Amino acid sequence: MAETAKSRAGIIHFAATGAATAALLYALCWAGAALGWNAASHLYLSLFTTEPSSSWAALFQGFCLSIGFGAVGGALVAMFANLFGFLAPR
């Protein structure tokens, strides 16, 4: 019977995934605000910038900050997945 190695979530992998996801979500919300759908996206945009939501400055500042936020969030998910890995079915 073959032994299966216990796999662990890669922290860098999850951090990069979280950063890319948060940045794309921010860019989509910014595009919605630029098109006039401000009600649907302005609260998410305000998490990362105080600039007017459809400005280029808001896109740049929020995009950069959401990359950092996503990286930290992804790394935390990986760390907790590894911490609670013993709960996974075998």
N, C-alpha and C. Protein backbone atom coordinates (compact mmCIF):
# COMPACT_ATOMS: atom_id res chain seq x y z
N MET A 1 0.84 -1.18 0.00
CA MET A 1 0.00 0.00 0.00
C MET A 1 0.89 1.24 0.00
N ALA A 2 0.62 2.14 -0.88
CA ALA A 2 1.45 3.34 -1.02
C ALA A 2 1.10 4.36 0.06
N GLU A 3 2.14 4.92 0.61
CA GLU A 3 1.94 5.99 1.60
C GLU A 3 1.70 7.31 0.87
N THR A 4 0.75 8.07 1.34
CA THR A 4 0.53 9.40 0.77
C THR A 4 1.16 10.43 1.68
N ALA A 5 1.93 11.31 1.08
CA ALA A 5 2.59 12.36 1.86
C ALA A 5 1.57 13.42 2.24
N LYS A 6 1.70 13.91 3.45
CA LYS A 6 0.82 14.97 3.92
C LYS A 6 1.26 16.27 3.25
N SER A 7 0.36 16.88 2.48
CA SER A 7 0.73 18.11 1.77
C SER A 7 0.39 19.32 2.62
N ARG A 8 1.17 20.34 2.42
CA ARG A 8 0.97 21.60 3.14
C ARG A 8 0.74 22.69 2.12
N ALA A 9 -0.09 23.63 2.49
CA ALA A 9 -0.37 24.76 1.61
C ALA A 9 0.86 25.66 1.53
N GLY A 10 1.21 26.09 0.33
CA GLY A 10 2.36 26.97 0.14
C GLY A 10 1.98 28.41 0.46
N ILE A 11 2.65 28.99 1.43
CA ILE A 11 2.32 30.34 1.88
C ILE A 11 2.55 31.37 0.78
N ILE A 12 3.66 31.25 0.06
CA ILE A 12 3.95 32.20 -1.03
C ILE A 12 2.92 32.04 -2.15
N HIS A 13 2.56 30.80 -2.45
CA HIS A 13 1.55 30.54 -3.48
C HIS A 13 0.21 31.18 -3.12
N PHE A 14 -0.22 31.00 -1.90
CA PHE A 14 -1.49 31.58 -1.46
C PHE A 14 -1.40 33.09 -1.39
N ALA A 15 -0.25 33.64 -0.99
CA ALA A 15 -0.09 35.10 -0.93
C ALA A 15 -0.19 35.70 -2.33
N ALA A 16 0.46 35.08 -3.30
CA ALA A 16 0.39 35.58 -4.68
C ALA A 16 -1.02 35.46 -5.24
N THR A 17 -1.70 34.37 -4.93
CA THR A 17 -3.08 34.18 -5.39
C THR A 17 -4.00 35.22 -4.77
N GLY A 18 -3.85 35.46 -3.48
CA GLY A 18 -4.67 36.47 -2.81
C GLY A 18 -4.40 37.86 -3.34
N ALA A 19 -3.14 38.17 -3.61
CA ALA A 19 -2.78 39.50 -4.13
C ALA A 19 -3.39 39.71 -5.51
N ALA A 20 -3.28 38.72 -6.38
CA ALA A 20 -3.83 38.85 -7.73
C ALA A 20 -5.35 38.97 -7.71
N THR A 21 -5.99 38.18 -6.86
CA THR A 21 -7.45 38.22 -6.76
C THR A 21 -7.94 39.56 -6.23
N ALA A 22 -7.32 40.06 -5.17
CA ALA A 22 -7.73 41.34 -4.60
C ALA A 22 -7.50 42.49 -5.58
N ALA A 23 -6.38 42.45 -6.29
CA ALA A 23 -6.10 43.51 -7.26
C ALA A 23 -7.11 43.49 -8.41
N LEU A 24 -7.44 42.30 -8.91
CA LEU A 24 -8.43 42.21 -9.98
C LEU A 24 -9.80 42.65 -9.51
N LEU A 25 -10.18 42.26 -8.31
CA LEU A 25 -11.47 42.69 -7.76
C LEU A 25 -11.52 44.20 -7.61
N TYR A 26 -10.42 44.79 -7.16
CA TYR A 26 -10.37 46.24 -7.03
C TYR A 26 -10.52 46.91 -8.40
N ALA A 27 -9.80 46.40 -9.40
CA ALA A 27 -9.87 46.98 -10.74
C ALA A 27 -11.28 46.86 -11.32
N LEU A 28 -11.95 45.75 -11.08
CA LEU A 28 -13.33 45.60 -11.56
C LEU A 28 -14.28 46.57 -10.86
N CYS A 29 -14.10 46.74 -9.57
CA CYS A 29 -14.94 47.70 -8.84
C CYS A 29 -14.67 49.13 -9.31
N TRP A 30 -13.39 49.44 -9.57
CA TRP A 30 -13.06 50.77 -10.07
C TRP A 30 -13.71 51.00 -11.43
N ALA A 31 -13.68 49.99 -12.31
CA ALA A 31 -14.30 50.12 -13.62
C ALA A 31 -15.80 50.34 -13.47
N GLY A 32 -16.42 49.66 -12.53
CA GLY A 32 -17.84 49.87 -12.27
C GLY A 32 -18.13 51.29 -11.82
N ALA A 33 -17.28 51.82 -10.97
CA ALA A 33 -17.45 53.20 -10.51
C ALA A 33 -17.22 54.18 -11.66
N ALA A 34 -16.23 53.90 -12.51
CA ALA A 34 -15.95 54.78 -13.65
C ALA A 34 -17.10 54.79 -14.65
N LEU A 35 -17.83 53.67 -14.72
CA LEU A 35 -18.98 53.59 -15.63
C LEU A 35 -20.27 54.14 -15.01
N GLY A 36 -20.19 54.56 -13.76
CA GLY A 36 -21.34 55.17 -13.11
C GLY A 36 -22.12 54.24 -12.20
N TRP A 37 -21.63 53.03 -12.00
CA TRP A 37 -22.28 52.10 -11.08
C TRP A 37 -21.68 52.24 -9.69
N ASN A 38 -21.64 53.45 -9.21
CA ASN A 38 -20.96 53.79 -7.97
C ASN A 38 -21.55 53.08 -6.76
N ALA A 39 -22.86 52.89 -6.73
CA ALA A 39 -23.48 52.29 -5.56
C ALA A 39 -23.00 50.87 -5.32
N ALA A 40 -22.67 50.17 -6.39
CA ALA A 40 -22.27 48.77 -6.25
C ALA A 40 -20.83 48.60 -5.79
N SER A 41 -19.98 49.59 -5.96
CA SER A 41 -18.57 49.36 -5.70
C SER A 41 -17.89 50.39 -4.81
N HIS A 42 -18.53 51.48 -4.48
CA HIS A 42 -17.80 52.54 -3.78
C HIS A 42 -17.35 52.15 -2.38
N LEU A 43 -18.04 51.26 -1.70
CA LEU A 43 -17.60 50.88 -0.36
C LEU A 43 -16.32 50.05 -0.40
N TYR A 44 -16.21 49.16 -1.36
CA TYR A 44 -14.97 48.39 -1.49
C TYR A 44 -13.81 49.30 -1.87
N LEU A 45 -14.05 50.23 -2.78
CA LEU A 45 -12.99 51.15 -3.18
C LEU A 45 -12.53 52.01 -2.01
N SER A 46 -13.46 52.40 -1.15
CA SER A 46 -13.10 53.27 -0.03
C SER A 46 -12.26 52.54 1.03
N LEU A 47 -12.16 51.23 0.95
CA LEU A 47 -11.27 50.51 1.86
C LEU A 47 -9.80 50.84 1.59
N PHE A 48 -9.48 51.19 0.35
CA PHE A 48 -8.09 51.34 -0.05
C PHE A 48 -7.70 52.74 -0.47
N THR A 49 -8.62 53.67 -0.61
CA THR A 49 -8.26 55.01 -1.04
C THR A 49 -9.29 56.02 -0.57
N THR A 50 -8.84 57.26 -0.45
CA THR A 50 -9.76 58.36 -0.12
C THR A 50 -9.97 59.26 -1.34
N GLU A 51 -9.36 58.89 -2.46
CA GLU A 51 -9.53 59.65 -3.70
C GLU A 51 -10.95 59.45 -4.24
N PRO A 52 -11.43 60.34 -5.11
CA PRO A 52 -12.72 60.10 -5.76
C PRO A 52 -12.69 58.74 -6.48
N SER A 53 -13.74 57.96 -6.31
CA SER A 53 -13.70 56.56 -6.70
C SER A 53 -13.44 56.30 -8.18
N SER A 54 -13.75 57.21 -9.07
CA SER A 54 -13.52 56.94 -10.49
C SER A 54 -12.25 57.61 -11.03
N SER A 55 -11.40 58.14 -10.15
CA SER A 55 -10.19 58.82 -10.61
C SER A 55 -9.06 57.82 -10.86
N TRP A 56 -8.10 58.24 -11.68
CA TRP A 56 -6.94 57.40 -11.96
C TRP A 56 -6.08 57.23 -10.71
N ALA A 57 -6.05 58.26 -9.87
CA ALA A 57 -5.29 58.17 -8.62
C ALA A 57 -5.88 57.08 -7.71
N ALA A 58 -7.20 56.98 -7.69
CA ALA A 58 -7.85 55.95 -6.88
C ALA A 58 -7.51 54.56 -7.42
N LEU A 59 -7.46 54.42 -8.74
CA LEU A 59 -7.11 53.14 -9.33
C LEU A 59 -5.69 52.75 -8.94
N PHE A 60 -4.75 53.65 -9.09
CA PHE A 60 -3.35 53.34 -8.79
C PHE A 60 -3.14 53.04 -7.31
N GLN A 61 -3.61 53.94 -6.45
CA GLN A 61 -3.41 53.76 -5.01
C GLN A 61 -4.12 52.51 -4.50
N GLY A 62 -5.36 52.35 -4.88
CA GLY A 62 -6.13 51.20 -4.41
C GLY A 62 -5.61 49.88 -4.95
N PHE A 63 -5.16 49.87 -6.20
CA PHE A 63 -4.61 48.66 -6.80
C PHE A 63 -3.37 48.21 -6.03
N CYS A 64 -2.48 49.15 -5.75
CA CYS A 64 -1.25 48.82 -5.02
C CYS A 64 -1.55 48.34 -3.60
N LEU A 65 -2.44 49.03 -2.92
CA LEU A 65 -2.76 48.63 -1.55
C LEU A 65 -3.53 47.32 -1.49
N SER A 66 -4.38 47.06 -2.48
CA SER A 66 -5.11 45.80 -2.47
C SER A 66 -4.19 44.61 -2.76
N ILE A 67 -3.10 44.83 -3.49
CA ILE A 67 -2.11 43.77 -3.68
C ILE A 67 -1.52 43.37 -2.33
N GLY A 68 -1.14 44.36 -1.54
CA GLY A 68 -0.60 44.07 -0.20
C GLY A 68 -1.61 43.40 0.71
N PHE A 69 -2.83 43.89 0.70
CA PHE A 69 -3.89 43.32 1.52
C PHE A 69 -4.17 41.88 1.09
N GLY A 70 -4.24 41.64 -0.20
CA GLY A 70 -4.48 40.29 -0.70
C GLY A 70 -3.36 39.34 -0.36
N ALA A 71 -2.12 39.82 -0.43
CA ALA A 71 -0.98 38.98 -0.09
C ALA A 71 -1.01 38.57 1.38
N VAL A 72 -1.30 39.51 2.25
CA VAL A 72 -1.39 39.20 3.67
C VAL A 72 -2.55 38.24 3.93
N GLY A 73 -3.69 38.50 3.30
CA GLY A 73 -4.84 37.62 3.47
C GLY A 73 -4.57 36.21 2.97
N GLY A 74 -3.94 36.10 1.81
CA GLY A 74 -3.60 34.78 1.27
C GLY A 74 -2.61 34.03 2.14
N ALA A 75 -1.62 34.73 2.66
CA ALA A 75 -0.64 34.10 3.54
C ALA A 75 -1.31 33.61 4.82
N LEU A 76 -2.24 34.41 5.35
CA LEU A 76 -2.95 33.98 6.56
C LEU A 76 -3.81 32.74 6.30
N VAL A 77 -4.46 32.70 5.14
CA VAL A 77 -5.25 31.51 4.79
C VAL A 77 -4.36 30.28 4.74
N ALA A 78 -3.19 30.39 4.11
CA ALA A 78 -2.27 29.25 4.02
C ALA A 78 -1.77 28.82 5.39
N MET A 79 -1.42 29.78 6.24
CA MET A 79 -0.94 29.44 7.57
C MET A 79 -2.01 28.72 8.38
N PHE A 80 -3.25 29.20 8.31
CA PHE A 80 -4.31 28.53 9.05
C PHE A 80 -4.67 27.19 8.43
N ALA A 81 -4.57 27.07 7.11
CA ALA A 81 -4.81 25.77 6.47
C ALA A 81 -3.78 24.76 6.94
N ASN A 82 -2.54 25.19 7.06
CA ASN A 82 -1.49 24.30 7.56
C ASN A 82 -1.70 23.98 9.05
N LEU A 83 -2.11 24.97 9.81
CA LEU A 83 -2.33 24.78 11.25
C LEU A 83 -3.44 23.78 11.52
N PHE A 84 -4.51 23.87 10.74
CA PHE A 84 -5.65 22.99 10.95
C PHE A 84 -5.68 21.81 9.98
N GLY A 85 -4.55 21.51 9.37
CA GLY A 85 -4.46 20.40 8.43
C GLY A 85 -4.81 19.05 9.05
N PHE A 86 -4.63 18.92 10.35
CA PHE A 86 -4.94 17.66 11.01
C PHE A 86 -6.43 17.34 11.00
N LEU A 87 -7.27 18.35 10.69
CA LEU A 87 -8.71 18.13 10.64
C LEU A 87 -9.18 17.59 9.30
N ALA A 88 -8.32 17.59 8.29
CA ALA A 88 -8.69 17.12 6.96
C ALA A 88 -8.93 15.62 6.97
N PRO A 89 -9.88 15.16 6.17
CA PRO A 89 -10.12 13.70 6.11
C PRO A 89 -8.92 12.99 5.48
N ARG A 90 -8.71 11.78 5.90
CA ARG A 90 -7.55 11.01 5.39
C ARG A 90 -7.98 9.94 4.44
